[in-house]
Amino acid sequence: MTPTPKSLPLAVAWMFAALVSFLLMAIAGRELSAEVGPAQIVAFRNMICLALLAVILARLGWKHARSAKPGRHVLRNAIHFGAQFGWFYAIARIPIAEVFAIEFTTPIWTALLAALFLGERLTVSRVTAIALGFGGVLVILRPGVAILDPAAFAALGAAFGYACSYIFTKDLVATDRPVTILLWMNAVQLPLALAASASIWVAPSPALWPWVVVTGIVGLSSHYCLSRALQYGEATVVTPIDFLRLPLAAAVAWMLYGERVDPWVFIGAAIIFGGVWLNLRRG
């Protein structure tokens, strides 16, 4: 579908639905972290996603489970598992808004990796965007001024891991449908998550089981809503809306957990956003 001015409201609506999914994922991760480790949270997410995908494939046909590049899927999702582990680890230990601010470096990492491994041109605008991204991270972390929390580096590692997975996805979408990519993502990650959490597996209390279900549902809805938003609107329209995650996350975390966010997080995020926006505007 070619985006048109009439489809802009739909792009915005789908993007806000994606924002809700991202926020619910963060809240679910924070709630579950009171009793459950990051690897087990990923395992729960994979189980529920696979159950939902089984229902979808029962209607679409199981032929969509086949992939022309199974090895790429395994490598992509091993990296993505590590990224998810780091993300949930960070969500449990530092302000949610700070995790989202650091995660905004993912497009910056992706631009750098695309130049290194996909042969894409490293233009002046991309170099500037990368420099702004790193500058924004330094503003958020302020090494030598603030105490550096290991969880912040886990969030930064997660952003880099997500960027790596996007590079693989760019290759996979040439041959595989989105539902195929999602199926392989959860099928590959589930045994990794089970192996990583087997020795410390705990049964969550009954009050947490609704959050287990939420984790699995938004694990799919976030991908789906973001894809639909990009279907109806250009990236230059959709991506800036994603940056509303930061103030929304800060507001929600303040209301639910009493979290106060350092103003430097917003300043650093604004610098990162400037780099991402420049990269989008200059192609």
Protein backbone atom coordinates (compact mmCIF):
# COMPACT_ATOMS: atom_id res chain seq x y z
CA MET A 1 0.00 0.00 0.00
CA THR A 2 1.29 3.43 -0.97
CA PRO A 3 0.82 5.94 1.88
CA THR A 4 -1.54 8.82 1.03
CA PRO A 5 -2.68 11.91 2.97
CA LYS A 6 -6.00 10.13 3.66
CA SER A 7 -4.20 7.20 5.25
CA LEU A 8 -2.28 9.43 7.69
CA PRO A 9 -4.90 9.15 10.49
CA LEU A 10 -4.69 5.37 10.23
CA ALA A 11 -0.88 5.49 10.47
CA VAL A 12 -1.12 7.65 13.58
CA ALA A 13 -3.78 5.38 15.12
CA TRP A 14 -1.73 2.24 14.52
CA MET A 15 1.38 3.93 15.89
CA PHE A 16 -0.41 4.92 19.09
CA ALA A 17 -1.58 1.32 19.40
CA ALA A 18 2.07 0.27 19.10
CA LEU A 19 3.01 2.79 21.81
CA VAL A 20 0.41 1.27 24.14
CA SER A 21 1.86 -2.17 23.43
CA PHE A 22 5.41 -1.00 24.22
CA LEU A 23 4.28 0.62 27.47
CA LEU A 24 2.31 -2.47 28.53
CA MET A 25 5.37 -4.60 27.80
CA ALA A 26 7.47 -2.40 30.09
CA ILE A 27 4.88 -2.45 32.87
CA ALA A 28 4.43 -6.22 32.57
CA GLY A 29 8.20 -6.71 32.70
CA ARG A 30 8.49 -4.51 35.79
CA GLU A 31 5.63 -6.33 37.56
CA LEU A 32 6.95 -9.80 36.73
CA SER A 33 10.50 -8.89 37.73
CA ALA A 34 9.38 -8.85 41.36
CA GLU A 35 9.39 -12.65 41.27
CA VAL A 36 10.67 -13.77 37.85
CA GLY A 37 14.04 -13.42 36.13
CA PRO A 38 14.52 -11.88 32.65
CA ALA A 39 15.03 -15.21 30.86
CA GLN A 40 11.83 -16.63 32.33
CA ILE A 41 9.89 -13.53 31.27
CA VAL A 42 11.16 -14.07 27.72
CA ALA A 43 10.14 -17.73 27.94
CA PHE A 44 6.61 -16.81 28.99
CA ARG A 45 6.41 -14.33 26.14
CA ASN A 46 7.59 -16.93 23.63
CA MET A 47 5.11 -19.56 24.84
CA ILE A 48 2.10 -17.29 24.52
CA CYS A 49 3.26 -15.86 21.19
CA LEU A 50 3.69 -19.37 19.79
CA ALA A 51 0.19 -20.33 20.95
CA LEU A 52 -1.27 -17.25 19.24
CA LEU A 53 0.78 -17.85 16.08
CA ALA A 54 -0.43 -21.47 15.97
CA VAL A 55 -4.00 -20.19 15.80
CA ILE A 56 -3.06 -17.72 13.05
CA LEU A 57 -1.20 -20.34 11.00
CA ALA A 58 -4.06 -22.79 11.38
CA ARG A 59 -6.07 -20.32 9.30
CA LEU A 60 -3.32 -19.11 6.95
CA GLY A 61 -1.78 -22.53 6.39
CA TRP A 62 1.31 -24.11 7.94
CA LYS A 63 3.19 -23.68 4.67
CA HIS A 64 4.03 -20.21 5.97
CA ALA A 65 6.16 -21.81 8.68
CA ARG A 66 8.76 -22.83 6.11
CA SER A 67 11.74 -20.54 5.54
CA ALA A 68 14.36 -20.40 2.82
CA LYS A 69 16.96 -19.22 5.35
CA PRO A 70 16.66 -21.19 8.61
CA GLY A 71 20.28 -20.52 9.56
CA ARG A 72 19.72 -16.76 9.37
CA HIS A 73 16.71 -17.11 11.64
CA VAL A 74 18.70 -19.02 14.25
CA LEU A 75 21.51 -16.43 14.31
CA ARG A 76 19.11 -13.47 14.27
CA ASN A 77 17.06 -14.77 17.15
CA ALA A 78 20.00 -15.83 19.28
CA ILE A 79 21.07 -12.16 19.15
CA HIS A 80 17.50 -10.96 19.67
CA PHE A 81 17.16 -13.20 22.74
CA GLY A 82 20.21 -11.54 24.28
CA ALA A 83 18.70 -8.13 23.50
CA GLN A 84 15.40 -9.02 25.12
CA PHE A 85 17.19 -10.40 28.18
CA GLY A 86 19.10 -7.13 28.56
CA TRP A 87 15.94 -5.07 28.04
CA PHE A 88 13.94 -6.87 30.74
CA TYR A 89 16.98 -6.79 33.06
CA ALA A 90 17.17 -3.00 32.62
CA ILE A 91 13.40 -2.48 32.99
CA ALA A 92 13.58 -4.08 36.45
CA ARG A 93 16.47 -1.91 37.69
CA ILE A 94 16.43 1.61 36.24
CA PRO A 95 13.63 4.07 35.39
CA ILE A 96 11.48 2.89 32.49
CA ALA A 97 11.87 6.23 30.71
CA GLU A 98 15.65 5.87 30.83
CA VAL A 99 15.43 2.43 29.21
CA PHE A 100 13.26 3.83 26.41
CA ALA A 101 15.59 6.81 25.94
CA ILE A 102 18.61 4.52 25.52
CA GLU A 103 16.60 2.20 23.26
CA PHE A 104 16.07 5.11 20.86
CA THR A 105 19.69 4.57 19.76
CA THR A 106 18.58 1.45 17.88
CA PRO A 107 18.10 3.32 14.54
CA ILE A 108 21.55 4.87 15.01
CA TRP A 109 23.17 1.47 15.52
CA THR A 110 21.18 0.14 12.55
CA ALA A 111 22.53 2.88 10.25
CA LEU A 112 26.09 2.07 11.32
CA LEU A 113 25.64 -1.70 10.91
CA ALA A 114 23.93 -1.26 7.52
CA ALA A 115 26.98 0.65 6.30
CA LEU A 116 29.37 -2.01 7.63
CA PHE A 117 27.54 -5.17 6.55
CA LEU A 118 24.99 -4.23 3.87
CA GLY A 119 27.19 -1.86 1.92
CA GLU A 120 24.88 1.11 2.40
CA ARG A 121 26.52 4.51 1.95
CA LEU A 122 27.79 6.23 5.07
CA THR A 123 26.74 9.74 4.07
CA VAL A 124 27.50 12.95 5.95
CA SER A 125 23.97 12.97 7.37
CA ARG A 126 24.35 9.39 8.62
CA VAL A 127 27.72 10.13 10.21
CA THR A 128 26.16 13.17 11.88
CA ALA A 129 23.21 11.07 13.06
CA ILE A 130 25.56 8.45 14.52
CA ALA A 131 27.60 11.14 16.27
CA LEU A 132 24.44 12.69 17.73
CA GLY A 133 23.28 9.27 18.89
CA PHE A 134 26.48 8.60 20.77
CA GLY A 135 26.43 12.15 22.13
CA GLY A 136 22.91 11.62 23.43
CA VAL A 137 23.95 8.41 25.19
CA LEU A 138 26.83 10.22 26.88
CA VAL A 139 24.44 12.91 28.07
CA ILE A 140 22.10 10.28 29.53
CA LEU A 141 24.84 8.21 31.20
CA ARG A 142 27.18 11.15 32.04
CA PRO A 143 30.23 8.98 32.78
CA GLY A 144 32.48 10.51 35.40
CA VAL A 145 29.62 12.65 36.75
CA ALA A 146 26.85 10.19 37.62
CA ILE A 147 27.16 6.67 39.00
CA LEU A 148 26.97 4.31 36.04
CA ASP A 149 24.37 1.60 36.61
CA PRO A 150 25.15 -1.73 34.90
CA ALA A 151 21.49 -1.89 33.90
CA ALA A 152 21.99 1.19 31.70
CA PHE A 153 24.68 -0.69 29.79
CA ALA A 154 22.31 -3.65 29.54
CA ALA A 155 19.77 -1.32 27.90
CA LEU A 156 22.45 -0.02 25.53
CA GLY A 157 23.46 -3.59 24.68
CA ALA A 158 19.79 -4.40 24.05
CA ALA A 159 19.53 -1.47 21.61
CA PHE A 160 22.59 -2.75 19.75
CA GLY A 161 21.15 -6.28 19.69
CA TYR A 162 17.85 -5.02 18.29
CA ALA A 163 19.78 -3.17 15.58
CA CYS A 164 21.59 -6.40 14.67
CA SER A 165 18.27 -8.24 14.43
CA TYR A 166 16.89 -5.50 12.16
CA ILE A 167 19.81 -6.00 9.79
CA PHE A 168 18.98 -9.71 9.56
CA THR A 169 15.28 -8.90 9.17
CA LYS A 170 16.03 -6.68 6.18
CA ASP A 171 17.52 -9.74 4.51
CA LEU A 172 14.78 -12.14 5.61
CA VAL A 173 11.82 -10.06 4.43
CA ALA A 174 12.99 -10.61 0.86
CA THR A 175 11.96 -14.27 1.08
CA ASP A 176 9.84 -14.77 4.21
CA ARG A 177 6.47 -13.40 5.31
CA PRO A 178 6.21 -11.44 8.57
CA VAL A 179 4.29 -14.27 10.23
CA THR A 180 7.13 -16.64 9.30
CA ILE A 181 9.70 -14.34 10.86
CA LEU A 182 7.63 -14.03 14.04
CA LEU A 183 7.15 -17.80 14.26
CA TRP A 184 10.87 -18.49 13.92
CA MET A 185 11.67 -15.72 16.39
CA ASN A 186 9.64 -17.32 19.15
CA ALA A 187 10.46 -20.93 18.21
CA VAL A 188 14.21 -20.28 18.33
CA GLN A 189 14.14 -18.15 21.46
CA LEU A 190 11.93 -20.44 23.58
CA PRO A 191 14.54 -23.21 24.10
CA LEU A 192 17.21 -20.56 24.76
CA ALA A 193 15.01 -18.90 27.36
CA LEU A 194 14.10 -22.22 28.98
CA ALA A 195 17.75 -23.27 29.18
CA ALA A 196 18.77 -19.93 30.69
CA SER A 197 16.01 -19.98 33.31
CA ALA A 198 15.76 -23.71 34.12
CA SER A 199 17.89 -23.57 37.29
CA ILE A 200 16.06 -20.54 38.73
CA TRP A 201 12.53 -21.18 37.42
CA VAL A 202 9.79 -20.08 39.79
CA ALA A 203 6.00 -20.26 39.61
CA PRO A 204 4.63 -16.68 39.66
CA SER A 205 1.98 -15.87 42.24
CA PRO A 206 -1.62 -15.87 40.93
CA ALA A 207 -1.72 -12.05 40.91
CA LEU A 208 1.07 -11.98 38.30
CA TRP A 209 -0.44 -14.40 35.79
CA PRO A 210 -2.47 -11.68 34.00
CA TRP A 211 0.85 -9.89 33.37
CA VAL A 212 2.27 -13.11 31.93
CA VAL A 213 -0.58 -13.14 29.41
CA VAL A 214 -0.13 -9.43 28.66
CA THR A 215 3.57 -10.02 27.91
CA GLY A 216 2.72 -12.57 25.23
CA ILE A 217 -0.11 -10.58 23.65
CA VAL A 218 1.77 -7.29 23.37
CA GLY A 219 4.82 -9.20 22.14
CA LEU A 220 2.83 -9.78 18.95
CA SER A 221 0.68 -6.66 18.91
CA SER A 222 3.69 -4.31 19.10
CA HIS A 223 5.20 -5.84 15.95
CA TYR A 224 1.85 -5.95 14.14
CA CYS A 225 0.79 -2.39 14.99
CA LEU A 226 4.17 -0.94 14.04
CA SER A 227 4.06 -2.77 10.70
CA ARG A 228 0.54 -1.47 10.01
CA ALA A 229 1.60 2.07 10.91
CA LEU A 230 4.46 1.89 8.41
CA GLN A 231 2.04 0.46 5.86
CA TYR A 232 -0.20 3.54 6.10
CA GLY A 233 2.42 6.24 6.69
CA GLU A 234 5.97 7.17 5.74
CA ALA A 235 8.76 6.47 8.21
CA THR A 236 9.32 10.22 8.57
CA VAL A 237 5.77 10.47 9.95
CA VAL A 238 5.60 7.28 11.98
CA THR A 239 9.02 7.27 13.65
CA PRO A 240 8.76 10.66 15.40
CA ILE A 241 5.51 9.51 17.03
CA ASP A 242 7.48 6.67 18.60
CA PHE A 243 9.44 9.25 20.60
CA LEU A 244 6.26 10.01 22.53
CA ARG A 245 7.08 6.78 24.35
CA LEU A 246 9.51 8.73 26.52
CA PRO A 247 7.14 11.27 28.10
CA LEU A 248 4.35 8.70 28.24
CA ALA A 249 6.64 6.19 29.95
CA ALA A 250 7.85 8.84 32.37
CA ALA A 251 4.26 9.78 33.26
CA VAL A 252 3.09 6.19 33.67
CA ALA A 253 6.16 5.17 35.72
CA TRP A 254 5.68 8.22 37.95
CA MET A 255 2.02 7.35 38.57
CA LEU A 256 2.59 3.62 39.12
CA TYR A 257 6.01 3.47 40.76
CA GLY A 258 6.79 7.01 41.85
CA GLU A 259 9.80 7.14 39.51
CA ARG A 260 11.45 10.51 39.00
CA VAL A 261 13.43 10.89 35.79
CA ASP A 262 16.65 12.89 35.61
CA PRO A 263 16.18 15.86 33.20
CA TRP A 264 19.41 14.77 31.49
CA VAL A 265 17.53 11.72 30.20
CA PHE A 266 15.17 13.98 28.24
CA ILE A 267 18.03 16.15 26.98
CA GLY A 268 19.98 13.10 25.80
CA ALA A 269 16.88 11.60 24.20
CA ALA A 270 16.25 14.88 22.35
CA ILE A 271 19.80 14.76 20.94
CA ILE A 272 19.31 11.14 19.84
CA PHE A 273 15.96 12.07 18.28
CA GLY A 274 17.70 14.84 16.35
CA GLY A 275 20.09 12.29 14.87
CA VAL A 276 17.32 9.85 13.94
CA TRP A 277 15.22 12.63 12.40
CA LEU A 278 18.18 13.90 10.35
CA ASN A 279 18.84 10.39 9.07
CA LEU A 280 15.18 9.97 8.06
CA ARG A 281 14.91 13.35 6.37
CA ARG A 282 18.12 12.82 4.37
CA GLY A 283 17.12 9.32 3.31
